Every structure is written in C-alpha cells, then in structure tokens.
PDB file of all heavy atoms in Angstrom:
ATOM      1  N   PRO A   1     246.070 212.441 164.419  1.00  0.00           N
ATOM      2  CA  PRO A   1     245.412 213.668 164.785  1.00  0.00           C
ATOM      3  C   PRO A   1     244.459 213.551 165.956  1.00  0.00           C
ATOM      4  O   PRO A   1     244.380 214.444 166.788  1.00  0.00           O
ATOM      5  CB  PRO A   1     244.693 214.090 163.537  1.00  0.00           C
ATOM      6  CG  PRO A   1     244.679 212.919 162.618  1.00  0.00           C
ATOM      7  CD  PRO A   1     245.759 212.020 163.076  1.00  0.00           C
ATOM      8  N   SER A   2     243.713 212.439 166.064  1.00  0.00           N
ATOM      9  CA  SER A   2     242.758 212.317 167.173  1.00  0.00           C
ATOM     10  C   SER A   2     243.476 212.139 168.483  1.00  0.00           C
ATOM     11  O   SER A   2     243.071 212.657 169.510  1.00  0.00           O
ATOM     12  CB  SER A   2     241.790 211.165 166.904  1.00  0.00           C
ATOM     13  OG  SER A   2     242.528 209.943 166.819  1.00  0.00           O
ATOM     14  N   ARG A   3     244.556 211.381 168.510  1.00  0.00           N
ATOM     15  CA  ARG A   3     245.332 211.157 169.731  1.00  0.00           C
ATOM     16  C   ARG A   3     246.015 212.458 170.180  1.00  0.00           C
ATOM     17  O   ARG A   3     246.030 212.759 171.351  1.00  0.00           O
ATOM     18  CB  ARG A   3     246.328 210.052 169.480  1.00  0.00           C
ATOM     19  CG  ARG A   3     247.345 209.828 170.566  1.00  0.00           C
ATOM     20  CD  ARG A   3     246.739 209.158 171.774  1.00  0.00           C
ATOM     21  NE  ARG A   3     247.729 209.120 172.816  1.00  0.00           N
ATOM     22  CZ  ARG A   3     248.022 208.083 173.548  1.00  0.00           C
ATOM     23  NH1 ARG A   3     247.351 206.963 173.350  1.00  0.00           N
ATOM     24  NH2 ARG A   3     248.901 208.095 174.489  1.00  0.00           N
ATOM     25  N   LEU A   4     246.535 213.211 169.220  1.00  0.00           N
ATOM     26  CA  LEU A   4     247.231 214.456 169.554  1.00  0.00           C
ATOM     27  C   LEU A   4     246.246 215.491 170.140  1.00  0.00           C
ATOM     28  O   LEU A   4     246.567 216.231 171.018  1.00  0.00           O
ATOM     29  CB  LEU A   4     247.927 215.009 168.325  1.00  0.00           C
ATOM     30  CG  LEU A   4     248.799 216.265 168.527  1.00  0.00           C
ATOM     31  CD1 LEU A   4     249.936 215.912 169.493  1.00  0.00           C
ATOM     32  CD2 LEU A   4     249.339 216.758 167.220  1.00  0.00           C
ATOM     33  N   ALA A   5     245.049 215.516 169.615  1.00  0.00           N
ATOM     34  CA  ALA A   5     244.051 216.486 170.070  1.00  0.00           C
ATOM     35  C   ALA A   5     243.637 216.246 171.506  1.00  0.00           C
ATOM     36  O   ALA A   5     243.298 217.182 172.228  1.00  0.00           O
ATOM     37  CB  ALA A   5     242.840 216.463 169.141  1.00  0.00           C
ATOM     38  N   THR A   6     243.654 214.999 171.956  1.00  0.00           N
ATOM     39  CA  THR A   6     243.211 214.686 173.305  1.00  0.00           C
ATOM     40  C   THR A   6     244.333 214.730 174.316  1.00  0.00           C
ATOM     41  O   THR A   6     244.087 214.795 175.513  1.00  0.00           O
ATOM     42  CB  THR A   6     242.566 213.290 173.339  1.00  0.00           C
ATOM     43  OG1 THR A   6     243.509 212.326 172.886  1.00  0.00           O
ATOM     44  CG2 THR A   6     241.316 213.226 172.489  1.00  0.00           C
ATOM     45  N   SER A   7     245.598 214.699 173.851  1.00  0.00           N
ATOM     46  CA  SER A   7     246.704 214.759 174.810  1.00  0.00           C
ATOM     47  C   SER A   7     247.024 216.169 175.178  1.00  0.00           C
ATOM     48  O   SER A   7     246.815 217.101 174.394  1.00  0.00           O
ATOM     49  CB  SER A   7     247.950 214.063 174.247  1.00  0.00           C
ATOM     50  OG  SER A   7     248.422 214.797 173.139  1.00  0.00           O
ATOM     51  N   GLU A   8     247.548 216.393 176.383  1.00  0.00           N
ATOM     52  CA  GLU A   8     247.926 217.690 176.846  1.00  0.00           C
ATOM     53  C   GLU A   8     249.327 218.033 176.361  1.00  0.00           C
ATOM     54  O   GLU A   8     250.240 217.210 176.478  1.00  0.00           O
ATOM     55  CB  GLU A   8     247.847 217.771 178.350  1.00  0.00           C
ATOM     56  CG  GLU A   8     246.429 217.682 178.881  1.00  0.00           C
ATOM     57  CD  GLU A   8     246.379 217.841 180.381  1.00  0.00           C
ATOM     58  OE1 GLU A   8     247.328 218.395 180.967  1.00  0.00           O
ATOM     59  OE2 GLU A   8     245.371 217.402 180.965  1.00  0.00           O
ATOM     60  N   VAL A   9     249.525 219.223 175.840  1.00  0.00           N
ATOM     61  CA  VAL A   9     250.820 219.648 175.352  1.00  0.00           C
ATOM     62  C   VAL A   9     251.176 220.933 176.072  1.00  0.00           C
ATOM     63  O   VAL A   9     250.390 221.874 176.098  1.00  0.00           O
ATOM     64  CB  VAL A   9     250.779 219.886 173.810  1.00  0.00           C
ATOM     65  CG1 VAL A   9     252.140 220.399 173.328  1.00  0.00           C
ATOM     66  CG2 VAL A   9     250.344 218.634 173.087  1.00  0.00           C
ATOM     67  N   THR A  10     252.343 220.936 176.700  1.00  0.00           N
ATOM     68  CA  THR A  10     252.786 222.150 177.400  1.00  0.00           C
ATOM     69  C   THR A  10     253.255 223.189 176.384  1.00  0.00           C
ATOM     70  O   THR A  10     253.550 222.871 175.230  1.00  0.00           O
ATOM     71  CB  THR A  10     253.915 221.839 178.389  1.00  0.00           C
ATOM     72  OG1 THR A  10     255.059 221.398 177.656  1.00  0.00           O
ATOM     73  CG2 THR A  10     253.465 220.788 179.380  1.00  0.00           C
ATOM     74  N   LEU A  11     253.335 224.424 176.822  1.00  0.00           N
ATOM     75  CA  LEU A  11     253.797 225.510 175.964  1.00  0.00           C
ATOM     76  C   LEU A  11     255.196 225.268 175.474  1.00  0.00           C
ATOM     77  O   LEU A  11     255.525 225.523 174.318  1.00  0.00           O
ATOM     78  CB  LEU A  11     253.670 226.824 176.703  1.00  0.00           C
ATOM     79  CG  LEU A  11     254.078 228.074 175.913  1.00  0.00           C
ATOM     80  CD1 LEU A  11     253.165 228.219 174.687  1.00  0.00           C
ATOM     81  CD2 LEU A  11     253.960 229.312 176.781  1.00  0.00           C
ATOM     82  N   VAL A  12     256.060 224.738 176.322  1.00  0.00           N
ATOM     83  CA  VAL A  12     257.462 224.479 175.952  1.00  0.00           C
ATOM     84  C   VAL A  12     257.521 223.422 174.886  1.00  0.00           C
ATOM     85  O   VAL A  12     258.267 223.542 173.912  1.00  0.00           O
ATOM     86  CB  VAL A  12     258.271 224.051 177.201  1.00  0.00           C
ATOM     87  CG1 VAL A  12     259.666 223.608 176.815  1.00  0.00           C
ATOM     88  CG2 VAL A  12     258.310 225.142 178.222  1.00  0.00           C
ATOM     89  N   GLU A  13     256.696 222.357 174.987  1.00  0.00           N
ATOM     90  CA  GLU A  13     256.671 221.316 173.951  1.00  0.00           C
ATOM     91  C   GLU A  13     256.166 221.866 172.622  1.00  0.00           C
ATOM     92  O   GLU A  13     256.702 221.555 171.564  1.00  0.00           O
ATOM     93  CB  GLU A  13     255.793 220.160 174.385  1.00  0.00           C
ATOM     94  CG  GLU A  13     256.364 219.327 175.514  1.00  0.00           C
ATOM     95  CD  GLU A  13     255.361 218.298 176.017  1.00  0.00           C
ATOM     96  OE1 GLU A  13     254.148 218.496 175.924  1.00  0.00           O
ATOM     97  OE2 GLU A  13     255.845 217.278 176.525  1.00  0.00           O
ATOM     98  N   LEU A  14     255.170 222.727 172.687  1.00  0.00           N
ATOM     99  CA  LEU A  14     254.612 223.316 171.475  1.00  0.00           C
ATOM    100  C   LEU A  14     255.646 224.199 170.761  1.00  0.00           C
ATOM    101  O   LEU A  14     255.836 224.099 169.556  1.00  0.00           O
ATOM    102  CB  LEU A  14     253.365 224.141 171.822  1.00  0.00           C
ATOM    103  CG  LEU A  14     252.702 224.880 170.640  1.00  0.00           C
ATOM    104  CD1 LEU A  14     252.186 223.867 169.632  1.00  0.00           C
ATOM    105  CD2 LEU A  14     251.599 225.771 171.147  1.00  0.00           C
ATOM    106  N   VAL A  15     256.320 225.069 171.519  1.00  0.00           N
ATOM    107  CA  VAL A  15     257.375 225.903 170.954  1.00  0.00           C
ATOM    108  C   VAL A  15     258.509 225.069 170.403  1.00  0.00           C
ATOM    109  O   VAL A  15     259.022 225.354 169.310  1.00  0.00           O
ATOM    110  CB  VAL A  15     257.888 226.921 171.997  1.00  0.00           C
ATOM    111  CG1 VAL A  15     259.097 227.678 171.468  1.00  0.00           C
ATOM    112  CG2 VAL A  15     256.772 227.905 172.338  1.00  0.00           C
ATOM    113  N   ASP A  16     258.875 224.012 171.101  1.00  0.00           N
ATOM    114  CA  ASP A  16     259.930 223.116 170.631  1.00  0.00           C
ATOM    115  C   ASP A  16     259.568 222.490 169.301  1.00  0.00           C
ATOM    116  O   ASP A  16     260.394 222.408 168.395  1.00  0.00           O
ATOM    117  CB  ASP A  16     260.223 222.033 171.664  1.00  0.00           C
ATOM    118  CG  ASP A  16     261.399 221.180 171.293  1.00  0.00           C
ATOM    119  OD1 ASP A  16     262.437 221.710 170.880  1.00  0.00           O
ATOM    120  OD2 ASP A  16     261.283 219.938 171.412  1.00  0.00           O
ATOM    121  N   ARG A  17     258.357 222.015 169.163  1.00  0.00           N
ATOM    122  CA  ARG A  17     257.883 221.414 167.896  1.00  0.00           C
ATOM    123  C   ARG A  17     257.886 222.436 166.763  1.00  0.00           C
ATOM    124  O   ARG A  17     258.298 222.127 165.664  1.00  0.00           O
ATOM    125  CB  ARG A  17     256.495 220.823 168.070  1.00  0.00           C
ATOM    126  CG  ARG A  17     256.443 219.607 168.930  1.00  0.00           C
ATOM    127  CD  ARG A  17     255.024 219.084 169.061  1.00  0.00           C
ATOM    128  NE  ARG A  17     254.947 218.033 170.043  1.00  0.00           N
ATOM    129  CZ  ARG A  17     253.830 217.482 170.420  1.00  0.00           C
ATOM    130  NH1 ARG A  17     252.691 217.853 169.887  1.00  0.00           N
ATOM    131  NH2 ARG A  17     253.811 216.545 171.347  1.00  0.00           N
ATOM    132  N   LEU A  18     257.407 223.639 167.058  1.00  0.00           N
ATOM    133  CA  LEU A  18     257.356 224.679 166.021  1.00  0.00           C
ATOM    134  C   LEU A  18     258.733 225.083 165.552  1.00  0.00           C
ATOM    135  O   LEU A  18     258.972 225.234 164.360  1.00  0.00           O
ATOM    136  CB  LEU A  18     256.587 225.894 166.527  1.00  0.00           C
ATOM    137  CG  LEU A  18     255.106 225.732 166.724  1.00  0.00           C
ATOM    138  CD1 LEU A  18     254.495 226.995 167.321  1.00  0.00           C
ATOM    139  CD2 LEU A  18     254.387 225.374 165.443  1.00  0.00           C
ATOM    140  N   VAL A  19     259.659 225.238 166.496  1.00  0.00           N
ATOM    141  CA  VAL A  19     261.019 225.647 166.143  1.00  0.00           C
ATOM    142  C   VAL A  19     261.737 224.521 165.430  1.00  0.00           C
ATOM    143  O   VAL A  19     262.523 224.738 164.502  1.00  0.00           O
ATOM    144  CB  VAL A  19     261.780 226.101 167.400  1.00  0.00           C
ATOM    145  CG1 VAL A  19     263.256 226.307 167.116  1.00  0.00           C
ATOM    146  CG2 VAL A  19     261.192 227.403 167.932  1.00  0.00           C
ATOM    147  N   ASP A  20     261.480 223.276 165.839  1.00  0.00           N
ATOM    148  CA  ASP A  20     262.140 222.129 165.194  1.00  0.00           C
ATOM    149  C   ASP A  20     261.733 221.998 163.727  1.00  0.00           C
ATOM    150  O   ASP A  20     262.541 221.783 162.847  1.00  0.00           O
ATOM    151  CB  ASP A  20     261.788 220.836 165.962  1.00  0.00           C
ATOM    152  CG  ASP A  20     262.512 219.626 165.343  1.00  0.00           C
ATOM    153  OD1 ASP A  20     263.735 219.742 165.073  1.00  0.00           O
ATOM    154  OD2 ASP A  20     261.870 218.596 165.159  1.00  0.00           O
ATOM    155  N   LYS A  21     260.445 222.133 163.431  1.00  0.00           N
ATOM    156  CA  LYS A  21     259.947 222.019 162.070  1.00  0.00           C
ATOM    157  C   LYS A  21     260.053 223.335 161.284  1.00  0.00           C
ATOM    158  O   LYS A  21     260.214 223.345 160.109  1.00  0.00           O
ATOM    159  CB  LYS A  21     258.480 221.558 162.070  1.00  0.00           C
ATOM    160  CG  LYS A  21     258.320 220.198 162.629  1.00  0.00           C
ATOM    161  CD  LYS A  21     258.958 219.163 161.723  1.00  0.00           C
ATOM    162  CE  LYS A  21     258.694 217.768 162.314  1.00  0.00           C
ATOM    163  NZ  LYS A  21     259.361 216.745 161.550  1.00  0.00           N
ATOM    164  N   GLY A  22     259.907 224.445 161.985  1.00  0.00           N
ATOM    165  CA  GLY A  22     259.858 225.755 161.366  1.00  0.00           C
ATOM    166  C   GLY A  22     258.404 226.125 161.085  1.00  0.00           C
ATOM    167  O   GLY A  22     257.585 225.297 160.760  1.00  0.00           O
ATOM    168  N   VAL A  23     258.138 227.393 161.195  1.00  0.00           N
ATOM    169  CA  VAL A  23     256.800 227.890 160.938  1.00  0.00           C
ATOM    170  C   VAL A  23     256.874 229.261 160.282  1.00  0.00           C
ATOM    171  O   VAL A  23     257.789 230.038 160.547  1.00  0.00           O
ATOM    172  CB  VAL A  23     255.937 227.934 162.233  1.00  0.00           C
ATOM    173  CG1 VAL A  23     256.476 228.935 163.223  1.00  0.00           C
ATOM    174  CG2 VAL A  23     254.484 228.253 161.946  1.00  0.00           C
ATOM    175  N   VAL A  24     255.981 229.511 159.343  1.00  0.00           N
ATOM    176  CA  VAL A  24     255.929 230.805 158.677  1.00  0.00           C
ATOM    177  C   VAL A  24     254.618 231.490 159.074  1.00  0.00           C
ATOM    178  O   VAL A  24     253.545 230.906 158.939  1.00  0.00           O
ATOM    179  CB  VAL A  24     255.977 230.662 157.137  1.00  0.00           C
ATOM    180  CG1 VAL A  24     255.822 232.000 156.452  1.00  0.00           C
ATOM    181  CG2 VAL A  24     257.296 229.995 156.733  1.00  0.00           C
ATOM    182  N   LEU A  25     254.737 232.723 159.570  1.00  0.00           N
ATOM    183  CA  LEU A  25     253.564 233.503 159.899  1.00  0.00           C
ATOM    184  C   LEU A  25     253.350 234.537 158.802  1.00  0.00           C
ATOM    185  O   LEU A  25     254.284 235.198 158.383  1.00  0.00           O
ATOM    186  CB  LEU A  25     253.749 234.242 161.254  1.00  0.00           C
ATOM    187  CG  LEU A  25     254.026 233.335 162.467  1.00  0.00           C
ATOM    188  CD1 LEU A  25     254.338 234.194 163.662  1.00  0.00           C
ATOM    189  CD2 LEU A  25     252.860 232.429 162.726  1.00  0.00           C
ATOM    190  N   HIS A  26     252.105 234.677 158.380  1.00  0.00           N
ATOM    191  CA  HIS A  26     251.776 235.599 157.311  1.00  0.00           C
ATOM    192  C   HIS A  26     250.468 236.284 157.651  1.00  0.00           C
ATOM    193  O   HIS A  26     249.472 235.578 157.946  1.00  0.00           O
ATOM    194  CB  HIS A  26     251.674 234.894 155.981  1.00  0.00           C
ATOM    195  CG  HIS A  26     251.246 235.748 154.840  1.00  0.00           C
ATOM    196  ND1 HIS A  26     252.115 236.545 154.170  1.00  0.00           N
ATOM    197  CD2 HIS A  26     250.035 235.930 154.290  1.00  0.00           C
ATOM    198  CE1 HIS A  26     251.449 237.194 153.222  1.00  0.00           C
ATOM    199  NE2 HIS A  26     250.182 236.853 153.274  1.00  0.00           N
ATOM    200  N   GLY A  27     250.443 237.610 157.676  1.00  0.00           N
ATOM    201  CA  GLY A  27     249.187 238.271 157.961  1.00  0.00           C
ATOM    202  C   GLY A  27     249.161 239.673 157.323  1.00  0.00           C
ATOM    203  O   GLY A  27     250.216 240.280 157.097  1.00  0.00           O
ATOM    204  N   ASP A  28     247.987 240.127 157.069  1.00  0.00           N
ATOM    205  CA  ASP A  28     247.760 241.460 156.499  1.00  0.00           C
ATOM    206  C   ASP A  28     246.692 242.186 157.280  1.00  0.00           C
ATOM    207  O   ASP A  28     245.658 241.591 157.600  1.00  0.00           O
ATOM    208  CB  ASP A  28     247.334 241.360 155.028  1.00  0.00           C
ATOM    209  CG  ASP A  28     248.389 240.742 154.164  1.00  0.00           C
ATOM    210  OD1 ASP A  28     249.560 241.122 154.234  1.00  0.00           O
ATOM    211  OD2 ASP A  28     248.026 239.842 153.379  1.00  0.00           O
ATOM    212  N   ILE A  29     246.905 243.451 157.549  1.00  0.00           N
ATOM    213  CA  ILE A  29     245.917 244.291 158.239  1.00  0.00           C
ATOM    214  C   ILE A  29     245.739 245.577 157.436  1.00  0.00           C
ATOM    215  O   ILE A  29     246.726 246.199 157.050  1.00  0.00           O
ATOM    216  CB  ILE A  29     246.339 244.608 159.669  1.00  0.00           C
ATOM    217  CG1 ILE A  29     246.519 243.365 160.496  1.00  0.00           C
ATOM    218  CG2 ILE A  29     245.355 245.574 160.313  1.00  0.00           C
ATOM    219  CD1 ILE A  29     247.099 243.607 161.878  1.00  0.00           C
ATOM    220  N   THR A  30     244.522 245.922 157.146  1.00  0.00           N
ATOM    221  CA  THR A  30     244.226 247.178 156.462  1.00  0.00           C
ATOM    222  C   THR A  30     243.244 247.988 157.261  1.00  0.00           C
ATOM    223  O   THR A  30     242.159 247.473 157.623  1.00  0.00           O
ATOM    224  CB  THR A  30     243.646 246.915 155.060  1.00  0.00           C
ATOM    225  OG1 THR A  30     244.543 246.062 154.319  1.00  0.00           O
ATOM    226  CG2 THR A  30     243.437 248.184 154.286  1.00  0.00           C
ATOM    227  N   LEU A  31     243.605 249.232 157.567  1.00  0.00           N
ATOM    228  CA  LEU A  31     242.710 250.138 158.295  1.00  0.00           C
ATOM    229  C   LEU A  31     242.071 251.057 157.261  1.00  0.00           C
ATOM    230  O   LEU A  31     242.802 251.778 156.544  1.00  0.00           O
ATOM    231  CB  LEU A  31     243.507 250.929 159.336  1.00  0.00           C
ATOM    232  CG  LEU A  31     242.693 251.954 160.135  1.00  0.00           C
ATOM    233  CD1 LEU A  31     241.618 251.270 160.956  1.00  0.00           C
ATOM    234  CD2 LEU A  31     243.607 252.782 160.992  1.00  0.00           C
ATOM    235  N   ALA A  32     240.761 251.032 157.193  1.00  0.00           N
ATOM    236  CA  ALA A  32     240.071 251.846 156.176  1.00  0.00           C
ATOM    237  C   ALA A  32     238.935 252.624 156.870  1.00  0.00           C
ATOM    238  O   ALA A  32     238.319 252.160 157.804  1.00  0.00           O
ATOM    239  CB  ALA A  32     239.492 250.932 155.097  1.00  0.00           C
ATOM    240  N   VAL A  33     238.679 253.794 156.318  1.00  0.00           N
ATOM    241  CA  VAL A  33     237.571 254.628 156.741  1.00  0.00           C
ATOM    242  C   VAL A  33     236.812 255.060 155.520  1.00  0.00           C
ATOM    243  O   VAL A  33     237.431 255.587 154.579  1.00  0.00           O
ATOM    244  CB  VAL A  33     238.076 255.885 157.526  1.00  0.00           C
ATOM    245  CG1 VAL A  33     236.934 256.818 157.894  1.00  0.00           C
ATOM    246  CG2 VAL A  33     238.849 255.467 158.784  1.00  0.00           C
ATOM    247  N   ALA A  34     235.537 254.817 155.480  1.00  0.00           N
ATOM    248  CA  ALA A  34     234.671 255.145 154.374  1.00  0.00           C
ATOM    249  C   ALA A  34     235.194 254.550 153.063  1.00  0.00           C
ATOM    250  O   ALA A  34     235.273 255.228 152.039  1.00  0.00           O
ATOM    251  CB  ALA A  34     234.505 256.651 154.253  1.00  0.00           C
ATOM    252  N   ASP A  35     235.575 253.281 153.134  1.00  0.00           N
ATOM    253  CA  ASP A  35     236.093 252.534 151.962  1.00  0.00           C
ATOM    254  C   ASP A  35     237.361 253.165 151.367  1.00  0.00           C
ATOM    255  O   ASP A  35     237.679 252.944 150.214  1.00  0.00           O
ATOM    256  CB  ASP A  35     235.042 252.407 150.858  1.00  0.00           C
ATOM    257  CG  ASP A  35     233.940 251.445 151.279  1.00  0.00           C
ATOM    258  OD1 ASP A  35     234.249 250.546 152.083  1.00  0.00           O
ATOM    259  OD2 ASP A  35     232.805 251.631 150.828  1.00  0.00           O
ATOM    260  N   ILE A  36     238.103 253.918 152.158  1.00  0.00           N
ATOM    261  CA  ILE A  36     239.386 254.457 151.730  1.00  0.00           C
ATOM    262  C   ILE A  36     240.453 253.863 152.620  1.00  0.00           C
ATOM    263  O   ILE A  36     240.453 254.014 153.836  1.00  0.00           O
ATOM    264  CB  ILE A  36     239.441 255.995 151.873  1.00  0.00           C
ATOM    265  CG1 ILE A  36     238.356 256.617 150.977  1.00  0.00           C
ATOM    266  CG2 ILE A  36     240.816 256.539 151.495  1.00  0.00           C
ATOM    267  CD1 ILE A  36     238.188 258.116 151.149  1.00  0.00           C
ATOM    268  N   ASP A  37     241.394 253.091 151.998  1.00  0.00           N
ATOM    269  CA  ASP A  37     242.459 252.451 152.761  1.00  0.00           C
ATOM    270  C   ASP A  37     243.457 253.506 153.265  1.00  0.00           C
ATOM    271  O   ASP A  37     243.993 254.285 152.494  1.00  0.00           O
ATOM    272  CB  ASP A  37     243.217 251.432 151.882  1.00  0.00           C
ATOM    273  CG  ASP A  37     242.322 250.255 151.497  1.00  0.00           C
ATOM    274  OD1 ASP A  37     241.291 250.077 152.152  1.00  0.00           O
ATOM    275  OD2 ASP A  37     242.710 249.543 150.549  1.00  0.00           O
ATOM    276  N   LEU A  38     243.637 253.517 154.593  1.00  0.00           N
ATOM    277  CA  LEU A  38     244.554 254.498 155.186  1.00  0.00           C
ATOM    278  C   LEU A  38     245.892 253.883 155.557  1.00  0.00           C
ATOM    279  O   LEU A  38     246.937 254.446 155.310  1.00  0.00           O
ATOM    280  CB  LEU A  38     243.917 255.117 156.417  1.00  0.00           C
ATOM    281  CG  LEU A  38     242.616 255.880 156.193  1.00  0.00           C
ATOM    282  CD1 LEU A  38     242.031 256.346 157.522  1.00  0.00           C
ATOM    283  CD2 LEU A  38     242.840 257.054 155.278  1.00  0.00           C
ATOM    284  N   ILE A  39     245.848 252.707 156.160  1.00  0.00           N
ATOM    285  CA  ILE A  39     247.077 252.066 156.641  1.00  0.00           C
ATOM    286  C   ILE A  39     247.013 250.604 156.236  1.00  0.00           C
ATOM    287  O   ILE A  39     246.008 249.911 156.385  1.00  0.00           O
ATOM    288  CB  ILE A  39     247.187 252.159 158.167  1.00  0.00           C
ATOM    289  CG1 ILE A  39     247.257 253.630 158.586  1.00  0.00           C
ATOM    290  CG2 ILE A  39     248.413 251.404 158.670  1.00  0.00           C
ATOM    291  CD1 ILE A  39     247.243 253.791 160.104  1.00  0.00           C
ATOM    292  N   TYR A  40     248.144 250.128 155.716  1.00  0.00           N
ATOM    293  CA  TYR A  40     248.310 248.702 155.373  1.00  0.00           C
ATOM    294  C   TYR A  40     249.545 248.196 156.115  1.00  0.00           C
ATOM    295  O   TYR A  40     250.603 248.800 156.070  1.00  0.00           O
ATOM    296  CB  TYR A  40     248.513 248.521 153.862  1.00  0.00           C
ATOM    297  CG  TYR A  40     248.928 247.111 153.528  1.00  0.00           C
ATOM    298  CD1 TYR A  40     247.959 246.061 153.469  1.00  0.00           C
ATOM    299  CD2 TYR A  40     250.234 246.788 153.248  1.00  0.00           C
ATOM    300  CE1 TYR A  40     248.363 244.767 153.152  1.00  0.00           C
ATOM    301  CE2 TYR A  40     250.622 245.492 152.940  1.00  0.00           C
ATOM    302  CZ  TYR A  40     249.682 244.505 152.897  1.00  0.00           C
ATOM    303  OH  TYR A  40     250.077 243.228 152.611  1.00  0.00           O
ATOM    304  N   VAL A  41     249.383 247.084 156.839  1.00  0.00           N
ATOM    305  CA  VAL A  41     250.488 246.451 157.565  1.00  0.00           C
ATOM    306  C   VAL A  41     250.552 245.031 157.103  1.00  0.00           C
ATOM    307  O   VAL A  41     249.578 244.289 157.177  1.00  0.00           O
ATOM    308  CB  VAL A  41     250.283 246.523 159.084  1.00  0.00           C
ATOM    309  CG1 VAL A  41     251.406 245.818 159.807  1.00  0.00           C
ATOM    310  CG2 VAL A  41     250.137 247.958 159.549  1.00  0.00           C
ATOM    311  N   GLY A  42     251.729 244.620 156.625  1.00  0.00           N
ATOM    312  CA  GLY A  42     251.961 243.241 156.215  1.00  0.00           C
ATOM    313  C   GLY A  42     252.986 242.597 157.117  1.00  0.00           C
ATOM    314  O   GLY A  42     253.991 243.192 157.470  1.00  0.00           O
ATOM    315  N   LEU A  43     252.695 241.387 157.606  1.00  0.00           N
ATOM    316  CA  LEU A  43     253.586 240.653 158.492  1.00  0.00           C
ATOM    317  C   LEU A  43     253.984 239.359 157.837  1.00  0.00           C
ATOM    318  O   LEU A  43     253.148 238.570 157.398  1.00  0.00           O
ATOM    319  CB  LEU A  43     252.882 240.378 159.804  1.00  0.00           C
ATOM    320  CG  LEU A  43     253.599 239.379 160.749  1.00  0.00           C
ATOM    321  CD1 LEU A  43     254.847 240.012 161.299  1.00  0.00           C
ATOM    322  CD2 LEU A  43     252.685 238.948 161.852  1.00  0.00           C
ATOM    323  N   ARG A  44     255.285 239.125 157.735  1.00  0.00           N
ATOM    324  CA  ARG A  44     255.814 237.869 157.266  1.00  0.00           C
ATOM    325  C   ARG A  44     256.999 237.522 158.146  1.00  0.00           C
ATOM    326  O   ARG A  44     257.977 238.260 158.198  1.00  0.00           O
ATOM    327  CB  ARG A  44     256.198 237.949 155.812  1.00  0.00           C
ATOM    328  CG  ARG A  44     255.031 238.033 154.879  1.00  0.00           C
ATOM    329  CD  ARG A  44     255.390 238.329 153.466  1.00  0.00           C
ATOM    330  NE  ARG A  44     254.207 238.502 152.640  1.00  0.00           N
ATOM    331  CZ  ARG A  44     253.593 239.644 152.484  1.00  0.00           C
ATOM    332  NH1 ARG A  44     254.006 240.735 153.070  1.00  0.00           N
ATOM    333  NH2 ARG A  44     252.530 239.704 151.691  1.00  0.00           N
TER     334      ARG A  44
END
C-alpha cells in the first residue's frame, strides 16, 4: 500500500485494474424537505 500510494497511476491503468478485478458501485440519495422524503434514488 505505501509503494502504490507514492507511484503515479494513469487513468487508463486505473480503469484497467478496476475492470480486471471488477468493482461494484452502490449509492443512495434521498431528497427531503421538512423531514418528508420526496425522492429516493438508488444506484447499484
């Protein structure tokens, strides 16, 4: 980890590593007004 943090990684190398291993993105967004949830968006 310490060696990887100090080395420069190009965007292409980063995308190649992510696609090779696979990555899962997960996120939730809730828009609320006055403590009333109006919109919920889930990303997976």
